[in-house]
Amino acid sequence: MALVLHGHPFSSCTQKVLVALYENATPFTWRVLDTPQTFEELARLWPLRLMPVLLDGDTPVAETSIILEHLDLHHRGPVPLLPDDPAAALAVRALDRFLDLYVMTPMQRIVGDALRPEGTHDPRGVAEARARLEQAYAWLNTRLVGGEWTAGPDFTMADCAAAPALFYADWVQPIDTSFSAVRALRRRLLRRPSFARVVDEARPFRPYFPLGAPDQD
């Protein structure tokens, strides 16, 4: 069945799905959310109005991790997103959740605060988010020692999560040089053709980043 992705190229969550699609050269149609009409379409598919949503034929699939599992189950390509071994797959899922909850979420909290009107900022929340990112970097740095990719020698769903999460997190809370394994993983992900394509496609939107997009990437 035809796949339609409703999302935006500058959205970290959309990028997580794009990496998976590009990694396996999975055919899909873009439905970029940039007009009231496209957001109305999104609301009909997913009342929470959160991007991305993948439409597989008549079936809408929401939430990035579920979308990636759906792709691996129904549209598996040459790069499996999950290992066949149940224990190894569980480890990949755990890292996927870790990256979403403890890297991407606090990063988004900091960005969201920067978008708030003057007088409505939450400095305590931002401080907590920055502290959480530091904790996440420290744990991940230990977990990554000796592995080429996030979950080991193979590129998996965990890398689809790590690519946009670490990319944007370093913009808002720079990854310290002491976390050398995390920094090295981020560099490798930026060189991966699937994510390099995602980054290039999002470049035109960098002026909209509320904290100022750095020039190093």
C-alpha atoms as a PDB file:
ATOM      1  CA  MET A   1       0.000   0.000   0.000  1.00  0.00           C
ATOM      2  CA  ALA A   2       1.087   3.601  -0.589  1.00  0.00           C
ATOM      3  CA  LEU A   3       2.712   5.394   2.322  1.00  0.00           C
ATOM      4  CA  VAL A   4       2.086   9.072   3.066  1.00  0.00           C
ATOM      5  CA  LEU A   5       4.115  10.872   5.723  1.00  0.00           C
ATOM      6  CA  HIS A   6       2.501  13.861   7.424  1.00  0.00           C
ATOM      7  CA  GLY A   7       5.214  15.892   9.114  1.00  0.00           C
ATOM      8  CA  HIS A   8       7.793  18.629   8.671  1.00  0.00           C
ATOM      9  CA  PRO A   9      11.452  18.303   7.634  1.00  0.00           C
ATOM     10  CA  PHE A  10      12.688  20.486  10.536  1.00  0.00           C
ATOM     11  CA  SER A  11      10.774  18.480  13.159  1.00  0.00           C
ATOM     12  CA  SER A  12      13.020  16.189  15.191  1.00  0.00           C
ATOM     13  CA  CYS A  13      10.244  13.609  15.515  1.00  0.00           C
ATOM     14  CA  THR A  14       9.570  13.651  11.781  1.00  0.00           C
ATOM     15  CA  GLN A  15      13.286  13.301  11.135  1.00  0.00           C
ATOM     16  CA  LYS A  16      13.371  10.113  13.189  1.00  0.00           C
ATOM     17  CA  VAL A  17      10.907   8.545  10.748  1.00  0.00           C
ATOM     18  CA  LEU A  18      12.600  10.042   7.690  1.00  0.00           C
ATOM     19  CA  VAL A  19      15.892   8.387   8.643  1.00  0.00           C
ATOM     20  CA  ALA A  20      14.150   5.000   8.660  1.00  0.00           C
ATOM     21  CA  LEU A  21      12.446   5.653   5.322  1.00  0.00           C
ATOM     22  CA  TYR A  22      15.622   6.888   3.634  1.00  0.00           C
ATOM     23  CA  GLU A  23      17.755   4.147   5.168  1.00  0.00           C
ATOM     24  CA  ASN A  24      15.740   1.512   3.325  1.00  0.00           C
ATOM     25  CA  ALA A  25      14.778   3.626   0.290  1.00  0.00           C
ATOM     26  CA  THR A  26      11.147   3.020   1.220  1.00  0.00           C
ATOM     27  CA  PRO A  27       8.824   4.778  -1.260  1.00  0.00           C
ATOM     28  CA  PHE A  28       6.505   7.345   0.322  1.00  0.00           C
ATOM     29  CA  THR A  29       4.687  10.571  -0.433  1.00  0.00           C
ATOM     30  CA  TRP A  30       5.478  13.712   1.568  1.00  0.00           C
ATOM     31  CA  ARG A  31       2.629  15.704   3.086  1.00  0.00           C
ATOM     32  CA  VAL A  32       4.503  18.635   4.605  1.00  0.00           C
ATOM     33  CA  LEU A  33       2.604  20.328   7.433  1.00  0.00           C
ATOM     34  CA  ASP A  34       2.904  23.988   6.520  1.00  0.00           C
ATOM     35  CA  THR A  35      -0.646  25.249   5.900  1.00  0.00           C
ATOM     36  CA  PRO A  36      -3.942  25.249   7.816  1.00  0.00           C
ATOM     37  CA  GLN A  37      -5.277  22.705   5.333  1.00  0.00           C
ATOM     38  CA  THR A  38      -2.462  20.224   5.962  1.00  0.00           C
ATOM     39  CA  PHE A  39      -2.928  20.548   9.722  1.00  0.00           C
ATOM     40  CA  GLU A  40      -6.641  19.925   9.302  1.00  0.00           C
ATOM     41  CA  GLU A  41      -5.765  16.723   7.469  1.00  0.00           C
ATOM     42  CA  LEU A  42      -3.447  15.766  10.319  1.00  0.00           C
ATOM     43  CA  ALA A  43      -6.222  16.357  12.862  1.00  0.00           C
ATOM     44  CA  ARG A  44      -8.531  14.021  10.967  1.00  0.00           C
ATOM     45  CA  LEU A  45      -5.892  11.308  11.117  1.00  0.00           C
ATOM     46  CA  TRP A  46      -4.740  11.942  14.691  1.00  0.00           C
ATOM     47  CA  PRO A  47      -6.884  14.176  16.949  1.00  0.00           C
ATOM     48  CA  LEU A  48      -3.879  15.072  19.120  1.00  0.00           C
ATOM     49  CA  ARG A  49      -2.501  16.929  16.067  1.00  0.00           C
ATOM     50  CA  LEU A  50       1.066  15.789  16.769  1.00  0.00           C
ATOM     51  CA  MET A  51       3.492  15.079  13.969  1.00  0.00           C
ATOM     52  CA  PRO A  52       4.459  12.831  12.368  1.00  0.00           C
ATOM     53  CA  VAL A  53       1.702  10.496  11.271  1.00  0.00           C
ATOM     54  CA  LEU A  54       2.274   7.798   8.667  1.00  0.00           C
ATOM     55  CA  LEU A  55      -0.708   6.860   6.549  1.00  0.00           C
ATOM     56  CA  ASP A  56      -0.378   3.308   5.250  1.00  0.00           C
ATOM     57  CA  GLY A  57      -3.232   2.904   2.802  1.00  0.00           C
ATOM     58  CA  ASP A  58      -6.244   3.694   4.977  1.00  0.00           C
ATOM     59  CA  THR A  59      -4.438   3.076   8.266  1.00  0.00           C
ATOM     60  CA  PRO A  60      -2.960   6.043  10.164  1.00  0.00           C
ATOM     61  CA  VAL A  61      -0.013   5.199  12.395  1.00  0.00           C
ATOM     62  CA  ALA A  62       1.036   7.699  15.082  1.00  0.00           C
ATOM     63  CA  GLU A  63       3.995   7.922  17.489  1.00  0.00           C
ATOM     64  CA  THR A  64       7.491   7.587  16.062  1.00  0.00           C
ATOM     65  CA  SER A  65       8.532   4.331  17.711  1.00  0.00           C
ATOM     66  CA  ILE A  66       5.295   2.663  16.628  1.00  0.00           C
ATOM     67  CA  ILE A  67       5.740   4.019  13.101  1.00  0.00           C
ATOM     68  CA  LEU A  68       9.233   2.531  12.932  1.00  0.00           C
ATOM     69  CA  GLU A  69       8.005  -0.818  14.233  1.00  0.00           C
ATOM     70  CA  HIS A  70       5.181  -0.700  11.680  1.00  0.00           C
ATOM     71  CA  LEU A  71       7.681  -0.077   8.892  1.00  0.00           C
ATOM     72  CA  ASP A  72       9.906  -2.919  10.050  1.00  0.00           C
ATOM     73  CA  LEU A  73       6.938  -5.268  10.277  1.00  0.00           C
ATOM     74  CA  HIS A  74       5.117  -4.373   7.059  1.00  0.00           C
ATOM     75  CA  HIS A  75       7.753  -2.681   4.861  1.00  0.00           C
ATOM     76  CA  ARG A  76      11.049  -4.204   5.967  1.00  0.00           C
ATOM     77  CA  GLY A  77      14.002  -3.241   3.802  1.00  0.00           C
ATOM     78  CA  PRO A  78      17.637  -4.332   3.583  1.00  0.00           C
ATOM     79  CA  VAL A  79      18.444  -2.582   6.900  1.00  0.00           C
ATOM     80  CA  PRO A  80      16.256  -4.138   9.618  1.00  0.00           C
ATOM     81  CA  LEU A  81      15.242  -1.593  12.229  1.00  0.00           C
ATOM     82  CA  LEU A  82      14.934  -4.285  14.907  1.00  0.00           C
ATOM     83  CA  PRO A  83      16.982  -7.468  15.315  1.00  0.00           C
ATOM     84  CA  ASP A  84      15.188 -10.772  14.941  1.00  0.00           C
ATOM     85  CA  ASP A  85      16.505 -11.961  18.300  1.00  0.00           C
ATOM     86  CA  PRO A  86      13.910 -10.951  20.948  1.00  0.00           C
ATOM     87  CA  ALA A  87      16.488 -10.036  23.605  1.00  0.00           C
ATOM     88  CA  ALA A  88      18.504  -7.909  21.186  1.00  0.00           C
ATOM     89  CA  ALA A  89      15.294  -6.249  19.951  1.00  0.00           C
ATOM     90  CA  LEU A  90      14.366  -5.402  23.536  1.00  0.00           C
ATOM     91  CA  ALA A  91      17.738  -3.709  24.031  1.00  0.00           C
ATOM     92  CA  VAL A  92      17.165  -1.628  20.888  1.00  0.00           C
ATOM     93  CA  ARG A  93      13.688  -0.642  22.079  1.00  0.00           C
ATOM     94  CA  ALA A  94      15.099   0.379  25.460  1.00  0.00           C
ATOM     95  CA  LEU A  95      17.638   2.693  23.826  1.00  0.00           C
ATOM     96  CA  ASP A  96      14.969   4.105  21.525  1.00  0.00           C
ATOM     97  CA  ARG A  97      12.830   5.000  24.535  1.00  0.00           C
ATOM     98  CA  PHE A  98      15.823   6.389  26.426  1.00  0.00           C
ATOM     99  CA  LEU A  99      16.704   8.716  23.574  1.00  0.00           C
ATOM    100  CA  ASP A 100      13.120   9.889  23.129  1.00  0.00           C
ATOM    101  CA  LEU A 101      12.418  10.418  26.821  1.00  0.00           C
ATOM    102  CA  TYR A 102      15.735  11.660  28.192  1.00  0.00           C
ATOM    103  CA  VAL A 103      17.387  13.376  25.227  1.00  0.00           C
ATOM    104  CA  MET A 104      14.709  14.479  22.774  1.00  0.00           C
ATOM    105  CA  THR A 105      12.087  15.419  25.372  1.00  0.00           C
ATOM    106  CA  PRO A 106      14.290  17.729  27.508  1.00  0.00           C
ATOM    107  CA  MET A 107      15.732  19.222  24.318  1.00  0.00           C
ATOM    108  CA  GLN A 108      12.217  20.014  23.133  1.00  0.00           C
ATOM    109  CA  ARG A 109      11.370  21.486  26.542  1.00  0.00           C
ATOM    110  CA  ILE A 110      14.235  23.964  26.223  1.00  0.00           C
ATOM    111  CA  VAL A 111      13.270  24.880  22.664  1.00  0.00           C
ATOM    112  CA  GLY A 112       9.624  25.195  23.637  1.00  0.00           C
ATOM    113  CA  ASP A 113      10.500  27.592  26.443  1.00  0.00           C
ATOM    114  CA  ALA A 114      12.419  29.779  24.002  1.00  0.00           C
ATOM    115  CA  LEU A 115       9.245  30.068  21.919  1.00  0.00           C
ATOM    116  CA  ARG A 116       7.136  31.298  24.839  1.00  0.00           C
ATOM    117  CA  PRO A 117       6.047  34.938  25.008  1.00  0.00           C
ATOM    118  CA  GLU A 118       8.034  37.248  27.245  1.00  0.00           C
ATOM    119  CA  GLY A 119       7.020  36.871  30.871  1.00  0.00           C
ATOM    120  CA  THR A 120       5.904  33.245  30.542  1.00  0.00           C
ATOM    121  CA  HIS A 121       9.280  31.511  30.561  1.00  0.00           C
ATOM    122  CA  ASP A 122      10.038  28.656  32.932  1.00  0.00           C
ATOM    123  CA  PRO A 123      13.689  28.997  34.022  1.00  0.00           C
ATOM    124  CA  ARG A 124      13.378  26.222  36.575  1.00  0.00           C
ATOM    125  CA  GLY A 125      11.990  23.855  33.958  1.00  0.00           C
ATOM    126  CA  VAL A 126      14.792  24.757  31.561  1.00  0.00           C
ATOM    127  CA  ALA A 127      17.402  24.173  34.271  1.00  0.00           C
ATOM    128  CA  GLU A 128      15.879  20.778  35.007  1.00  0.00           C
ATOM    129  CA  ALA A 129      15.883  19.908  31.307  1.00  0.00           C
ATOM    130  CA  ARG A 130      19.547  20.870  30.971  1.00  0.00           C
ATOM    131  CA  ALA A 131      20.428  18.760  34.000  1.00  0.00           C
ATOM    132  CA  ARG A 132      18.531  15.822  32.521  1.00  0.00           C
ATOM    133  CA  LEU A 133      20.461  16.154  29.271  1.00  0.00           C
ATOM    134  CA  GLU A 134      23.753  16.070  31.146  1.00  0.00           C
ATOM    135  CA  GLN A 135      22.629  12.926  32.974  1.00  0.00           C
ATOM    136  CA  ALA A 136      21.584  11.352  29.688  1.00  0.00           C
ATOM    137  CA  TYR A 137      24.890  12.214  27.991  1.00  0.00           C
ATOM    138  CA  ALA A 138      26.821  10.676  30.888  1.00  0.00           C
ATOM    139  CA  TRP A 139      24.858   7.417  30.866  1.00  0.00           C
ATOM    140  CA  LEU A 140      24.897   7.107  27.095  1.00  0.00           C
ATOM    141  CA  ASN A 141      28.635   7.770  26.980  1.00  0.00           C
ATOM    142  CA  THR A 142      29.217   4.737  29.189  1.00  0.00           C
ATOM    143  CA  ARG A 143      26.749   2.616  27.230  1.00  0.00           C
ATOM    144  CA  LEU A 144      28.352   3.437  23.868  1.00  0.00           C
ATOM    145  CA  VAL A 145      31.950   2.526  24.635  1.00  0.00           C
ATOM    146  CA  GLY A 146      33.141  -0.054  22.113  1.00  0.00           C
ATOM    147  CA  GLY A 147      30.115   0.069  19.790  1.00  0.00           C
ATOM    148  CA  GLU A 148      29.973   1.659  16.359  1.00  0.00           C
ATOM    149  CA  TRP A 149      26.252   2.419  16.491  1.00  0.00           C
ATOM    150  CA  THR A 150      23.840   3.150  19.318  1.00  0.00           C
ATOM    151  CA  ALA A 151      22.926  -0.465  20.049  1.00  0.00           C
ATOM    152  CA  GLY A 152      26.091  -2.156  18.768  1.00  0.00           C
ATOM    153  CA  PRO A 153      27.575  -2.994  15.360  1.00  0.00           C
ATOM    154  CA  ASP A 154      24.348  -2.656  13.351  1.00  0.00           C
ATOM    155  CA  PHE A 155      22.337   0.429  12.442  1.00  0.00           C
ATOM    156  CA  THR A 156      18.877   0.076  14.056  1.00  0.00           C
ATOM    157  CA  MET A 157      15.793   1.901  15.231  1.00  0.00           C
ATOM    158  CA  ALA A 158      17.886   3.237  18.113  1.00  0.00           C
ATOM    159  CA  ASP A 159      20.017   5.156  15.607  1.00  0.00           C
ATOM    160  CA  CYS A 160      16.912   6.594  13.954  1.00  0.00           C
ATOM    161  CA  ALA A 161      16.088   8.018  17.387  1.00  0.00           C
ATOM    162  CA  ALA A 162      19.641   9.061  18.244  1.00  0.00           C
ATOM    163  CA  ALA A 163      20.305  10.994  15.038  1.00  0.00           C
ATOM    164  CA  PRO A 164      17.836  13.901  15.469  1.00  0.00           C
ATOM    165  CA  ALA A 165      17.892  13.729  19.279  1.00  0.00           C
ATOM    166  CA  LEU A 166      21.660  14.222  19.581  1.00  0.00           C
ATOM    167  CA  PHE A 167      21.758  16.591  16.606  1.00  0.00           C
ATOM    168  CA  TYR A 168      19.414  19.126  18.201  1.00  0.00           C
ATOM    169  CA  ALA A 169      20.383  18.421  21.816  1.00  0.00           C
ATOM    170  CA  ASP A 170      23.945  19.521  21.086  1.00  0.00           C
ATOM    171  CA  TRP A 171      22.551  22.781  19.760  1.00  0.00           C
ATOM    172  CA  VAL A 172      20.777  23.596  23.032  1.00  0.00           C
ATOM    173  CA  GLN A 173      23.109  21.889  25.548  1.00  0.00           C
ATOM    174  CA  PRO A 174      26.493  21.262  23.932  1.00  0.00           C
ATOM    175  CA  ILE A 175      27.831  17.759  24.480  1.00  0.00           C
ATOM    176  CA  ASP A 176      30.953  18.167  26.595  1.00  0.00           C
ATOM    177  CA  THR A 177      34.259  16.875  25.250  1.00  0.00           C
ATOM    178  CA  SER A 178      34.392  14.458  28.189  1.00  0.00           C
ATOM    179  CA  PHE A 179      31.524  12.551  26.553  1.00  0.00           C
ATOM    180  CA  SER A 180      33.728  11.456  23.677  1.00  0.00           C
ATOM    181  CA  ALA A 181      31.685   8.375  22.733  1.00  0.00           C
ATOM    182  CA  VAL A 182      28.487  10.424  22.429  1.00  0.00           C
ATOM    183  CA  ARG A 183      30.222  13.060  20.341  1.00  0.00           C
ATOM    184  CA  ALA A 184      31.725  10.387  18.093  1.00  0.00           C
ATOM    185  CA  LEU A 185      28.328   8.736  17.591  1.00  0.00           C
ATOM    186  CA  ARG A 186      26.810  12.097  16.658  1.00  0.00           C
ATOM    187  CA  ARG A 187      29.560  12.607  14.052  1.00  0.00           C
ATOM    188  CA  ARG A 188      29.018   9.142  12.591  1.00  0.00           C
ATOM    189  CA  LEU A 189      25.277   9.707  12.385  1.00  0.00           C
ATOM    190  CA  LEU A 190      25.815  13.003  10.564  1.00  0.00           C
ATOM    191  CA  ARG A 191      27.913  11.130   7.976  1.00  0.00           C
ATOM    192  CA  ARG A 192      25.301   8.398   7.510  1.00  0.00           C
ATOM    193  CA  PRO A 193      23.717   9.083   4.079  1.00  0.00           C
ATOM    194  CA  SER A 194      20.157   8.719   5.348  1.00  0.00           C
ATOM    195  CA  PHE A 195      20.595  11.317   8.108  1.00  0.00           C
ATOM    196  CA  ALA A 196      22.848  13.552   6.025  1.00  0.00           C
ATOM    197  CA  ARG A 197      19.961  13.803   3.575  1.00  0.00           C
ATOM    198  CA  VAL A 198      17.547  14.662   6.403  1.00  0.00           C
ATOM    199  CA  VAL A 199      19.862  17.395   7.680  1.00  0.00           C
ATOM    200  CA  ASP A 200      20.328  18.907   4.216  1.00  0.00           C
ATOM    201  CA  GLU A 201      16.593  18.945   3.512  1.00  0.00           C
ATOM    202  CA  ALA A 202      16.003  20.835   6.761  1.00  0.00           C
ATOM    203  CA  ARG A 203      18.680  23.499   6.217  1.00  0.00           C
ATOM    204  CA  PRO A 204      16.306  26.095   4.717  1.00  0.00           C
ATOM    205  CA  PHE A 205      14.356  26.176   7.993  1.00  0.00           C
ATOM    206  CA  ARG A 206      17.280  26.864  10.334  1.00  0.00           C
ATOM    207  CA  PRO A 207      16.503  30.585  10.663  1.00  0.00           C
ATOM    208  CA  TYR A 208      13.338  29.566  12.521  1.00  0.00           C
ATOM    209  CA  PHE A 209      15.282  27.830  15.312  1.00  0.00           C
ATOM    210  CA  PRO A 210      14.525  30.063  18.320  1.00  0.00           C
ATOM    211  CA  LEU A 211      17.907  29.673  20.012  1.00  0.00           C
ATOM    212  CA  GLY A 212      19.919  30.301  16.867  1.00  0.00           C
ATOM    213  CA  ALA A 213      21.187  27.412  14.771  1.00  0.00           C
ATOM    214  CA  PRO A 214      24.970  26.996  15.085  1.00  0.00           C
ATOM    215  CA  ASP A 215      27.145  26.827  11.996  1.00  0.00           C
ATOM    216  CA  GLN A 216      29.159  23.727  12.817  1.00  0.00           C
ATOM    217  CA  ASP A 217      26.721  21.161  11.351  1.00  0.00           C
END
